[in-house]
């Protein structure tokens, strides 16, 4: 089973004892699953999740103690099977809709949590934390998505809405936000699993960043060392090594002896130890000396070529 499936399985087992929370969770289910949201005298809820259908049946029975019919329906053209939860009495349907639309229904924080649980069970999903941090609830109408976002924002969840294939998607993207959402809905076991994976993932990311940084530094050191050695050997091949000041000669000899050593370590091999900045200064002076020799050689070659032409 997927992580999203595990979360839903856990939430299906959460049955609020207080009637006001039962109503709040039902309200979300009706809002998202009703066959005709505007029709007051009928109530038919459609879902592809058998567990969700059973929970809707249980909540309706506990909250209103009325007759409810649950039917399995076959998917058309090889599609998925689904279930309908129906209240066949018109008066009962109207009473349920009126109750679930009461303006004070979500006044309490516990009811807003129950509402989000119902919304997630009806049309929500969450990515496996190993892959991405993403939780979403889809709605067919903008006003429904806005209501879900408002409830989430009332609990300090930074929800956003995007349109995807003519559906309105309310989503969260940050790990901390997803952890809070799981806790608000009552998926405490999934929350702990998510946190364990998130901690491991972030630690691995931190280690990878550190390794990449160290690798980049080693590469940079290797490139610098190669150029420094190339400059020193150029000076030696041009018989100009003795023209360097004694301190630079010593620095050059140490660099040739320890080609892979970082600057701070090179300074410890000198007769009079110096720091990293001092080593860098001396090696830069050696490179500048080599560049002057190269410029001089280029000028000489250019003059010889000019004389040969004349």
C-alpha atoms as a PDB file:
ATOM      1  CA  UNK A   1       0.000   0.000   0.000  1.00  0.00           C
ATOM      2  CA  UNK A   2       1.164   3.539  -0.755  1.00  0.00           C
ATOM      3  CA  UNK A   3       1.924   6.099   1.937  1.00  0.00           C
ATOM      4  CA  UNK A   4      -1.267   7.937   0.955  1.00  0.00           C
ATOM      5  CA  UNK A   5      -3.193   4.696   1.321  1.00  0.00           C
ATOM      6  CA  UNK A   6      -1.667   4.116   4.760  1.00  0.00           C
ATOM      7  CA  UNK A   7      -2.749   7.590   5.865  1.00  0.00           C
ATOM      8  CA  UNK A   8      -6.318   7.015   4.679  1.00  0.00           C
ATOM      9  CA  UNK A   9      -6.461   3.603   6.317  1.00  0.00           C
ATOM     10  CA  UNK A  10      -5.427   5.196   9.619  1.00  0.00           C
ATOM     11  CA  UNK A  11      -7.931   8.051   9.259  1.00  0.00           C
ATOM     12  CA  UNK A  12     -10.773   5.652   8.452  1.00  0.00           C
ATOM     13  CA  UNK A  13     -10.314   4.214  11.947  1.00  0.00           C
ATOM     14  CA  UNK A  14     -10.610   7.641  13.597  1.00  0.00           C
ATOM     15  CA  UNK A  15     -14.268   7.977  14.616  1.00  0.00           C
ATOM     16  CA  UNK A  16     -15.083  11.193  16.500  1.00  0.00           C
ATOM     17  CA  UNK A  17     -17.151  10.655  19.622  1.00  0.00           C
ATOM     18  CA  UNK A  18     -18.634  14.165  19.736  1.00  0.00           C
ATOM     19  CA  UNK A  19     -21.604  14.753  17.420  1.00  0.00           C
ATOM     20  CA  UNK A  20     -20.363  18.199  16.387  1.00  0.00           C
ATOM     21  CA  UNK A  21     -17.126  16.628  15.061  1.00  0.00           C
ATOM     22  CA  UNK A  22     -19.094  13.872  13.329  1.00  0.00           C
ATOM     23  CA  UNK A  23     -21.114  16.560  11.566  1.00  0.00           C
ATOM     24  CA  UNK A  24     -17.967  18.452  10.568  1.00  0.00           C
ATOM     25  CA  UNK A  25     -16.374  15.373   9.012  1.00  0.00           C
ATOM     26  CA  UNK A  26     -19.637  14.551   7.240  1.00  0.00           C
ATOM     27  CA  UNK A  27     -19.876  18.112   5.926  1.00  0.00           C
ATOM     28  CA  UNK A  28     -16.584  17.699   4.085  1.00  0.00           C
ATOM     29  CA  UNK A  29     -17.694  14.384   2.600  1.00  0.00           C
ATOM     30  CA  UNK A  30     -20.985  15.835   1.390  1.00  0.00           C
ATOM     31  CA  UNK A  31     -19.248  18.919   0.024  1.00  0.00           C
ATOM     32  CA  UNK A  32     -16.865  16.853  -2.095  1.00  0.00           C
ATOM     33  CA  UNK A  33     -18.780  13.660  -2.876  1.00  0.00           C
ATOM     34  CA  UNK A  34     -22.430  14.676  -3.269  1.00  0.00           C
ATOM     35  CA  UNK A  35     -23.835  13.756  -6.669  1.00  0.00           C
ATOM     36  CA  UNK A  36     -25.768  17.036  -6.783  1.00  0.00           C
ATOM     37  CA  UNK A  37     -24.432  19.522  -4.180  1.00  0.00           C
ATOM     38  CA  UNK A  38     -27.250  22.021  -4.825  1.00  0.00           C
ATOM     39  CA  UNK A  39     -30.170  19.585  -4.522  1.00  0.00           C
ATOM     40  CA  UNK A  40     -31.562  19.676  -0.978  1.00  0.00           C
ATOM     41  CA  UNK A  41     -34.096  16.845  -1.163  1.00  0.00           C
ATOM     42  CA  UNK A  42     -31.657  14.137  -2.289  1.00  0.00           C
ATOM     43  CA  UNK A  43     -28.362  13.016  -0.845  1.00  0.00           C
ATOM     44  CA  UNK A  44     -26.265  10.586  -2.874  1.00  0.00           C
ATOM     45  CA  UNK A  45     -22.555  10.389  -2.131  1.00  0.00           C
ATOM     46  CA  UNK A  46     -20.282   8.674  -4.633  1.00  0.00           C
ATOM     47  CA  UNK A  47     -16.788   7.351  -3.846  1.00  0.00           C
ATOM     48  CA  UNK A  48     -14.357   4.783  -5.215  1.00  0.00           C
ATOM     49  CA  UNK A  49     -13.119   3.982  -1.697  1.00  0.00           C
ATOM     50  CA  UNK A  50     -15.086   1.257   0.058  1.00  0.00           C
ATOM     51  CA  UNK A  51     -13.678   2.295   3.434  1.00  0.00           C
ATOM     52  CA  UNK A  52     -14.798   5.890   2.873  1.00  0.00           C
ATOM     53  CA  UNK A  53     -18.294   4.681   1.942  1.00  0.00           C
ATOM     54  CA  UNK A  54     -18.497   2.613   5.128  1.00  0.00           C
ATOM     55  CA  UNK A  55     -17.327   5.519   7.253  1.00  0.00           C
ATOM     56  CA  UNK A  56     -19.853   7.905   5.684  1.00  0.00           C
ATOM     57  CA  UNK A  57     -22.546   5.343   6.427  1.00  0.00           C
ATOM     58  CA  UNK A  58     -21.398   5.080  10.060  1.00  0.00           C
ATOM     59  CA  UNK A  59     -21.204   8.847  10.570  1.00  0.00           C
ATOM     60  CA  UNK A  60     -24.649   9.423   9.058  1.00  0.00           C
ATOM     61  CA  UNK A  61     -26.102   6.664  11.201  1.00  0.00           C
ATOM     62  CA  UNK A  62     -24.519   7.962  14.408  1.00  0.00           C
ATOM     63  CA  UNK A  63     -25.251  11.624  13.798  1.00  0.00           C
ATOM     64  CA  UNK A  64     -28.822  11.321  12.442  1.00  0.00           C
ATOM     65  CA  UNK A  65     -30.012   7.753  13.159  1.00  0.00           C
ATOM     66  CA  UNK A  66     -31.753   7.416   9.792  1.00  0.00           C
ATOM     67  CA  UNK A  67     -32.024   4.768   7.092  1.00  0.00           C
ATOM     68  CA  UNK A  68     -29.102   4.792   4.682  1.00  0.00           C
ATOM     69  CA  UNK A  69     -28.426   2.621   1.633  1.00  0.00           C
ATOM     70  CA  UNK A  70     -24.932   1.650   0.511  1.00  0.00           C
ATOM     71  CA  UNK A  71     -24.630   0.171  -2.990  1.00  0.00           C
ATOM     72  CA  UNK A  72     -21.702  -1.023  -5.021  1.00  0.00           C
ATOM     73  CA  UNK A  73     -21.720   0.232  -8.591  1.00  0.00           C
ATOM     74  CA  UNK A  74     -19.754  -1.163 -11.497  1.00  0.00           C
ATOM     75  CA  UNK A  75     -17.348   1.041 -13.381  1.00  0.00           C
ATOM     76  CA  UNK A  76     -18.236   1.731 -17.000  1.00  0.00           C
ATOM     77  CA  UNK A  77     -15.938   0.554 -19.819  1.00  0.00           C
ATOM     78  CA  UNK A  78     -13.602  -1.271 -17.498  1.00  0.00           C
ATOM     79  CA  UNK A  79     -13.311   1.621 -15.046  1.00  0.00           C
ATOM     80  CA  UNK A  80     -13.030   1.298 -11.294  1.00  0.00           C
ATOM     81  CA  UNK A  81     -15.903   0.033  -9.191  1.00  0.00           C
ATOM     82  CA  UNK A  82     -17.384   2.529  -6.770  1.00  0.00           C
ATOM     83  CA  UNK A  83     -19.908   2.885  -3.997  1.00  0.00           C
ATOM     84  CA  UNK A  84     -22.890   5.107  -3.395  1.00  0.00           C
ATOM     85  CA  UNK A  85     -24.164   6.141   0.018  1.00  0.00           C
ATOM     86  CA  UNK A  86     -27.774   7.299  -0.316  1.00  0.00           C
ATOM     87  CA  UNK A  87     -30.416   8.863   1.920  1.00  0.00           C
ATOM     88  CA  UNK A  88     -33.659   8.105   0.125  1.00  0.00           C
ATOM     89  CA  UNK A  89     -36.041  10.102   2.325  1.00  0.00           C
ATOM     90  CA  UNK A  90     -36.443  13.652   0.994  1.00  0.00           C
ATOM     91  CA  UNK A  91     -37.195  15.204   4.384  1.00  0.00           C
ATOM     92  CA  UNK A  92     -34.181  13.498   5.959  1.00  0.00           C
ATOM     93  CA  UNK A  93     -31.955  14.643   3.086  1.00  0.00           C
ATOM     94  CA  UNK A  94     -33.091  18.252   3.470  1.00  0.00           C
ATOM     95  CA  UNK A  95     -32.572  18.135   7.225  1.00  0.00           C
ATOM     96  CA  UNK A  96     -29.052  16.716   6.848  1.00  0.00           C
ATOM     97  CA  UNK A  97     -28.036  19.336   4.306  1.00  0.00           C
ATOM     98  CA  UNK A  98     -29.433  22.147   6.449  1.00  0.00           C
ATOM     99  CA  UNK A  99     -27.577  20.865   9.511  1.00  0.00           C
ATOM    100  CA  UNK A 100     -24.276  20.461   7.649  1.00  0.00           C
ATOM    101  CA  UNK A 101     -24.526  23.987   6.208  1.00  0.00           C
ATOM    102  CA  UNK A 102     -24.964  25.654   9.610  1.00  0.00           C
ATOM    103  CA  UNK A 103     -22.710  28.697   9.876  1.00  0.00           C
ATOM    104  CA  UNK A 104     -21.426  27.641  13.324  1.00  0.00           C
ATOM    105  CA  UNK A 105     -20.532  24.109  12.204  1.00  0.00           C
ATOM    106  CA  UNK A 106     -16.767  24.790  12.168  1.00  0.00           C
ATOM    107  CA  UNK A 107     -16.612  27.229  15.051  1.00  0.00           C
ATOM    108  CA  UNK A 108     -14.488  24.913  17.209  1.00  0.00           C
ATOM    109  CA  UNK A 109     -10.944  23.884  16.337  1.00  0.00           C
ATOM    110  CA  UNK A 110     -11.682  20.183  16.849  1.00  0.00           C
ATOM    111  CA  UNK A 111     -14.429  20.429  14.233  1.00  0.00           C
ATOM    112  CA  UNK A 112     -12.089  22.070  11.734  1.00  0.00           C
ATOM    113  CA  UNK A 113      -9.673  19.169  12.229  1.00  0.00           C
ATOM    114  CA  UNK A 114     -12.512  16.694  11.633  1.00  0.00           C
ATOM    115  CA  UNK A 115     -13.538  18.634   8.507  1.00  0.00           C
ATOM    116  CA  UNK A 116     -10.027  18.326   7.067  1.00  0.00           C
ATOM    117  CA  UNK A 117      -9.993  14.615   7.858  1.00  0.00           C
ATOM    118  CA  UNK A 118     -13.256  14.188   5.957  1.00  0.00           C
ATOM    119  CA  UNK A 119     -11.979  16.256   3.032  1.00  0.00           C
ATOM    120  CA  UNK A 120      -8.777  14.240   2.777  1.00  0.00           C
ATOM    121  CA  UNK A 121     -10.664  10.937   2.906  1.00  0.00           C
ATOM    122  CA  UNK A 122     -13.030  12.172   0.205  1.00  0.00           C
ATOM    123  CA  UNK A 123     -10.513  13.441  -2.366  1.00  0.00           C
ATOM    124  CA  UNK A 124      -7.081  13.846  -0.831  1.00  0.00           C
ATOM    125  CA  UNK A 125      -3.661  12.320  -1.441  1.00  0.00           C
ATOM    126  CA  UNK A 126      -0.139  12.726  -0.083  1.00  0.00           C
ATOM    127  CA  UNK A 127       3.141  11.822  -1.761  1.00  0.00           C
ATOM    128  CA  UNK A 128       5.544   9.360  -0.194  1.00  0.00           C
ATOM    129  CA  UNK A 129       8.015  11.495   1.808  1.00  0.00           C
ATOM    130  CA  UNK A 130      10.963   9.656   0.231  1.00  0.00           C
ATOM    131  CA  UNK A 131      10.033  11.269  -3.087  1.00  0.00           C
ATOM    132  CA  UNK A 132       8.446  14.659  -2.376  1.00  0.00           C
ATOM    133  CA  UNK A 133       6.624  16.789   0.171  1.00  0.00           C
ATOM    134  CA  UNK A 134       3.186  17.248  -1.332  1.00  0.00           C
ATOM    135  CA  UNK A 135      -0.341  16.900   0.023  1.00  0.00           C
ATOM    136  CA  UNK A 136      -3.441  17.877  -1.904  1.00  0.00           C
ATOM    137  CA  UNK A 137      -7.241  17.830  -1.826  1.00  0.00           C
ATOM    138  CA  UNK A 138      -9.113  18.226  -5.122  1.00  0.00           C
ATOM    139  CA  UNK A 139     -12.506  19.860  -5.629  1.00  0.00           C
ATOM    140  CA  UNK A 140     -14.652  20.368  -8.698  1.00  0.00           C
ATOM    141  CA  UNK A 141     -15.798  23.864  -7.661  1.00  0.00           C
ATOM    142  CA  UNK A 142     -13.705  26.903  -6.776  1.00  0.00           C
ATOM    143  CA  UNK A 143     -15.860  27.852  -3.772  1.00  0.00           C
ATOM    144  CA  UNK A 144     -15.366  24.371  -2.315  1.00  0.00           C
ATOM    145  CA  UNK A 145     -11.599  24.643  -2.714  1.00  0.00           C
ATOM    146  CA  UNK A 146     -11.665  28.103  -1.142  1.00  0.00           C
ATOM    147  CA  UNK A 147     -13.587  26.794   1.862  1.00  0.00           C
ATOM    148  CA  UNK A 148     -11.084  23.979   2.382  1.00  0.00           C
ATOM    149  CA  UNK A 149      -8.206  26.439   2.122  1.00  0.00           C
ATOM    150  CA  UNK A 150      -9.856  28.779   4.634  1.00  0.00           C
ATOM    151  CA  UNK A 151     -10.200  25.936   7.141  1.00  0.00           C
ATOM    152  CA  UNK A 152      -6.558  24.975   6.620  1.00  0.00           C
ATOM    153  CA  UNK A 153      -5.412  28.571   7.000  1.00  0.00           C
ATOM    154  CA  UNK A 154      -7.402  28.894  10.244  1.00  0.00           C
ATOM    155  CA  UNK A 155      -5.064  26.210  11.623  1.00  0.00           C
ATOM    156  CA  UNK A 156      -1.965  28.087  10.372  1.00  0.00           C
ATOM    157  CA  UNK A 157      -1.493  25.843   7.359  1.00  0.00           C
ATOM    158  CA  UNK A 158      -0.198  27.793   4.355  1.00  0.00           C
ATOM    159  CA  UNK A 159      -2.458  26.190   1.750  1.00  0.00           C
ATOM    160  CA  UNK A 160      -2.531  27.315  -1.871  1.00  0.00           C
ATOM    161  CA  UNK A 161      -4.845  26.566  -4.806  1.00  0.00           C
ATOM    162  CA  UNK A 162      -3.954  25.639  -8.374  1.00  0.00           C
ATOM    163  CA  UNK A 163      -6.192  24.591 -11.289  1.00  0.00           C
ATOM    164  CA  UNK A 164      -5.359  21.214 -12.840  1.00  0.00           C
ATOM    165  CA  UNK A 165      -7.458  19.578 -15.562  1.00  0.00           C
ATOM    166  CA  UNK A 166     -10.531  21.665 -14.661  1.00  0.00           C
ATOM    167  CA  UNK A 167     -10.163  20.664 -10.995  1.00  0.00           C
ATOM    168  CA  UNK A 168      -9.263  22.994  -8.131  1.00  0.00           C
ATOM    169  CA  UNK A 169      -6.388  21.583  -6.100  1.00  0.00           C
ATOM    170  CA  UNK A 170      -5.706  22.767  -2.547  1.00  0.00           C
ATOM    171  CA  UNK A 171      -2.142  21.816  -1.665  1.00  0.00           C
ATOM    172  CA  UNK A 172       0.717  21.986   0.844  1.00  0.00           C
ATOM    173  CA  UNK A 173       4.379  21.645  -0.157  1.00  0.00           C
ATOM    174  CA  UNK A 174       6.592  22.029   2.935  1.00  0.00           C
ATOM    175  CA  UNK A 175       7.607  19.153   5.184  1.00  0.00           C
ATOM    176  CA  UNK A 176       6.698  20.982   8.398  1.00  0.00           C
ATOM    177  CA  UNK A 177       3.283  21.842   6.989  1.00  0.00           C
ATOM    178  CA  UNK A 178       2.594  18.246   6.003  1.00  0.00           C
ATOM    179  CA  UNK A 179       3.593  17.036   9.468  1.00  0.00           C
ATOM    180  CA  UNK A 180       1.166  19.513  11.022  1.00  0.00           C
ATOM    181  CA  UNK A 181      -1.620  18.516   8.608  1.00  0.00           C
ATOM    182  CA  UNK A 182      -1.209  14.828   9.447  1.00  0.00           C
ATOM    183  CA  UNK A 183      -1.376  15.701  13.131  1.00  0.00           C
ATOM    184  CA  UNK A 184      -4.439  17.907  12.711  1.00  0.00           C
ATOM    185  CA  UNK A 185      -6.306  15.122  10.907  1.00  0.00           C
ATOM    186  CA  UNK A 186      -5.370  12.552  13.561  1.00  0.00           C
ATOM    187  CA  UNK A 187      -2.942  10.412  11.506  1.00  0.00           C
ATOM    188  CA  UNK A 188      -0.415  10.163  14.329  1.00  0.00           C
ATOM    189  CA  UNK A 189       1.242   6.900  13.241  1.00  0.00           C
ATOM    190  CA  UNK A 190       1.693   8.214   9.699  1.00  0.00           C
ATOM    191  CA  UNK A 191       3.034  11.444  11.165  1.00  0.00           C
ATOM    192  CA  UNK A 192       5.793   9.540  13.021  1.00  0.00           C
ATOM    193  CA  UNK A 193       6.642   7.534   9.900  1.00  0.00           C
ATOM    194  CA  UNK A 194       6.736  10.726   7.845  1.00  0.00           C
ATOM    195  CA  UNK A 195       9.012  12.419  10.389  1.00  0.00           C
ATOM    196  CA  UNK A 196      11.431   9.485  10.456  1.00  0.00           C
ATOM    197  CA  UNK A 197      11.712   9.496   6.681  1.00  0.00           C
ATOM    198  CA  UNK A 198      11.961  13.287   6.549  1.00  0.00           C
ATOM    199  CA  UNK A 199      14.775  13.379   9.111  1.00  0.00           C
ATOM    200  CA  UNK A 200      16.676  10.661   7.240  1.00  0.00           C
ATOM    201  CA  UNK A 201      16.110  12.424   3.916  1.00  0.00           C
ATOM    202  CA  UNK A 202      17.288  15.791   5.218  1.00  0.00           C
ATOM    203  CA  UNK A 203      20.324  14.234   6.908  1.00  0.00           C
ATOM    204  CA  UNK A 204      21.225  12.479   3.667  1.00  0.00           C
ATOM    205  CA  UNK A 205      20.773  15.750   1.788  1.00  0.00           C
ATOM    206  CA  UNK A 206      23.025  17.532   4.281  1.00  0.00           C
ATOM    207  CA  UNK A 207      25.693  14.839   3.937  1.00  0.00           C
ATOM    208  CA  UNK A 208      25.484  14.988   0.136  1.00  0.00           C
ATOM    209  CA  UNK A 209      25.838  18.772   0.171  1.00  0.00           C
ATOM    210  CA  UNK A 210      28.866  18.506   2.444  1.00  0.00           C
ATOM    211  CA  UNK A 211      30.452  15.830   0.266  1.00  0.00           C
ATOM    212  CA  UNK A 212      29.802  17.873  -2.861  1.00  0.00           C
ATOM    213  CA  UNK A 213      31.311  20.937  -1.216  1.00  0.00           C
ATOM    214  CA  UNK A 214      34.381  19.021  -0.100  1.00  0.00           C
ATOM    215  CA  UNK A 215      34.718  17.443  -3.545  1.00  0.00           C
ATOM    216  CA  UNK A 216      34.523  20.874  -5.152  1.00  0.00           C
ATOM    217  CA  UNK A 217      37.154  22.197  -2.754  1.00  0.00           C
ATOM    218  CA  UNK A 218      39.444  19.231  -3.472  1.00  0.00           C
ATOM    219  CA  UNK A 219      38.983  19.768  -7.189  1.00  0.00           C
ATOM    220  CA  UNK A 220      39.755  23.455  -6.795  1.00  0.00           C
ATOM    221  CA  UNK A 221      42.863  22.636  -4.736  1.00  0.00           C
ATOM    222  CA  UNK A 222      44.007  20.103  -7.339  1.00  0.00           C
ATOM    223  CA  UNK A 223      43.572  22.574 -10.206  1.00  0.00           C
ATOM    224  CA  UNK A 224      45.417  25.313  -8.296  1.00  0.00           C
ATOM    225  CA  UNK A 225      48.206  22.906  -7.379  1.00  0.00           C
ATOM    226  CA  UNK A 226      48.580  21.794 -11.004  1.00  0.00           C
ATOM    227  CA  UNK A 227      48.891  25.402 -12.196  1.00  0.00           C
ATOM    228  CA  UNK A 228      51.394  26.256  -9.466  1.00  0.00           C
ATOM    229  CA  UNK A 229      53.575  23.257 -10.305  1.00  0.00           C
ATOM    230  CA  UNK A 230      53.330  24.086 -13.996  1.00  0.00           C
ATOM    231  CA  UNK A 231      54.561  27.649 -13.282  1.00  0.00           C
ATOM    232  CA  UNK A 232      57.455  26.407 -11.132  1.00  0.00           C
ATOM    233  CA  UNK A 233      58.561  23.874 -13.754  1.00  0.00           C
ATOM    234  CA  UNK A 234      58.311  26.558 -16.454  1.00  0.00           C
ATOM    235  CA  UNK A 235      60.635  28.775 -14.426  1.00  0.00           C
ATOM    236  CA  UNK A 236      63.063  25.859 -13.912  1.00  0.00           C
ATOM    237  CA  UNK A 237      63.038  24.938 -17.619  1.00  0.00           C
ATOM    238  CA  UNK A 238      63.904  28.536 -18.498  1.00  0.00           C
ATOM    239  CA  UNK A 239      66.862  28.428 -16.099  1.00  0.00           C
ATOM    240  CA  UNK A 240      65.374  31.305 -14.100  1.00  0.00           C
ATOM    241  CA  UNK A 241      64.780  29.511 -10.795  1.00  0.00           C
ATOM    242  CA  UNK A 242      67.827  31.177  -9.207  1.00  0.00           C
ATOM    243  CA  UNK A 243      66.293  34.578 -10.069  1.00  0.00           C
ATOM    244  CA  UNK A 244      63.543  34.007  -7.514  1.00  0.00           C
ATOM    245  CA  UNK A 245      64.039  35.448  -4.003  1.00  0.00           C
ATOM    246  CA  UNK A 246      65.123  32.775  -1.458  1.00  0.00           C
ATOM    247  CA  UNK A 247      61.691  32.721   0.236  1.00  0.00           C
ATOM    248  CA  UNK A 248      59.977  32.014  -3.100  1.00  0.00           C
ATOM    249  CA  UNK A 249      62.545  29.349  -3.998  1.00  0.00           C
ATOM    250  CA  UNK A 250      61.822  27.550  -0.723  1.00  0.00           C
ATOM    251  CA  UNK A 251      58.084  27.858  -1.349  1.00  0.00           C
ATOM    252  CA  UNK A 252      58.465  26.429  -4.846  1.00  0.00           C
ATOM    253  CA  UNK A 253      60.531  23.469  -3.621  1.00  0.00           C
ATOM    254  CA  UNK A 254      57.947  22.659  -0.938  1.00  0.00           C
ATOM    255  CA  UNK A 255      55.107  22.813  -3.467  1.00  0.00           C
ATOM    256  CA  UNK A 256      56.950  20.402  -5.788  1.00  0.00           C
ATOM    257  CA  UNK A 257      57.639  18.055  -2.868  1.00  0.00           C
ATOM    258  CA  UNK A 258      54.014  18.092  -1.666  1.00  0.00           C
ATOM    259  CA  UNK A 259      51.862  18.529  -4.803  1.00  0.00           C
ATOM    260  CA  UNK A 260      48.586  17.457  -3.150  1.00  0.00           C
ATOM    261  CA  UNK A 261      48.932  19.363   0.115  1.00  0.00           C
ATOM    262  CA  UNK A 262      46.500  22.235   0.841  1.00  0.00           C
ATOM    263  CA  UNK A 263      47.893  25.731   1.430  1.00  0.00           C
ATOM    264  CA  UNK A 264      47.624  25.634   5.224  1.00  0.00           C
ATOM    265  CA  UNK A 265      49.636  22.399   5.315  1.00  0.00           C
ATOM    266  CA  UNK A 266      52.305  23.701   2.938  1.00  0.00           C
ATOM    267  CA  UNK A 267      53.092  26.503   5.370  1.00  0.00           C
ATOM    268  CA  UNK A 268      54.041  23.981   8.072  1.00  0.00           C
ATOM    269  CA  UNK A 269      56.800  22.492   5.876  1.00  0.00           C
ATOM    270  CA  UNK A 270      58.709  25.776   5.552  1.00  0.00           C
ATOM    271  CA  UNK A 271      61.744  26.490   7.702  1.00  0.00           C
ATOM    272  CA  UNK A 272      59.868  29.413   9.214  1.00  0.00           C
ATOM    273  CA  UNK A 273      56.229  28.385   9.356  1.00  0.00           C
ATOM    274  CA  UNK A 274      53.662  30.717   7.821  1.00  0.00           C
ATOM    275  CA  UNK A 275      49.861  30.648   7.527  1.00  0.00           C
ATOM    276  CA  UNK A 276      47.589  29.934   4.603  1.00  0.00           C
ATOM    277  CA  UNK A 277      47.443  33.559   3.436  1.00  0.00           C
ATOM    278  CA  UNK A 278      51.260  33.799   3.478  1.00  0.00           C
ATOM    279  CA  UNK A 279      51.580  30.627   1.399  1.00  0.00           C
ATOM    280  CA  UNK A 280      48.966  31.908  -1.055  1.00  0.00           C
ATOM    281  CA  UNK A 281      50.846  35.219  -1.364  1.00  0.00           C
ATOM    282  CA  UNK A 282      54.166  33.511  -2.161  1.00  0.00           C
ATOM    283  CA  UNK A 283      52.648  31.125  -4.700  1.00  0.00           C
ATOM    284  CA  UNK A 284      50.924  34.047  -6.381  1.00  0.00           C
ATOM    285  CA  UNK A 285      54.268  35.856  -6.631  1.00  0.00           C
ATOM    286  CA  UNK A 286      55.790  32.759  -8.256  1.00  0.00           C
ATOM    287  CA  UNK A 287      52.938  32.644 -10.786  1.00  0.00           C
ATOM    288  CA  UNK A 288      53.367  36.353 -11.563  1.00  0.00           C
ATOM    289  CA  UNK A 289      57.098  35.752 -12.142  1.00  0.00           C
ATOM    290  CA  UNK A 290      56.281  32.880 -14.526  1.00  0.00           C
ATOM    291  CA  UNK A 291      53.771  35.075 -16.396  1.00  0.00           C
ATOM    292  CA  UNK A 292      56.414  37.788 -16.885  1.00  0.00           C
ATOM    293  CA  UNK A 293      58.783  35.204 -18.344  1.00  0.00           C
ATOM    294  CA  UNK A 294      56.030  34.010 -20.709  1.00  0.00           C
ATOM    295  CA  UNK A 295      55.326  37.593 -21.852  1.00  0.00           C
ATOM    296  CA  UNK A 296      59.010  38.192 -22.401  1.00  0.00           C
ATOM    297  CA  UNK A 297      59.301  34.991 -24.432  1.00  0.00           C
ATOM    298  CA  UNK A 298      56.268  35.940 -26.526  1.00  0.00           C
ATOM    299  CA  UNK A 299      57.770  39.364 -27.271  1.00  0.00           C
ATOM    300  CA  UNK A 300      61.069  37.758 -28.237  1.00  0.00           C
ATOM    301  CA  UNK A 301      59.356  35.290 -30.536  1.00  0.00           C
ATOM    302  CA  UNK A 302      57.335  38.075 -32.116  1.00  0.00           C
ATOM    303  CA  UNK A 303      60.459  40.176 -32.776  1.00  0.00           C
ATOM    304  CA  UNK A 304      62.276  37.187 -34.289  1.00  0.00           C
ATOM    305  CA  UNK A 305      59.322  36.447 -36.554  1.00  0.00           C
ATOM    306  CA  UNK A 306      59.213  40.072 -37.628  1.00  0.00           C
ATOM    307  CA  UNK A 307      62.926  40.104 -38.454  1.00  0.00           C
ATOM    308  CA  UNK A 308      62.597  36.901 -40.449  1.00  0.00           C
ATOM    309  CA  UNK A 309      59.828  38.462 -42.550  1.00  0.00           C
ATOM    310  CA  UNK A 310      61.898  41.575 -43.262  1.00  0.00           C
END
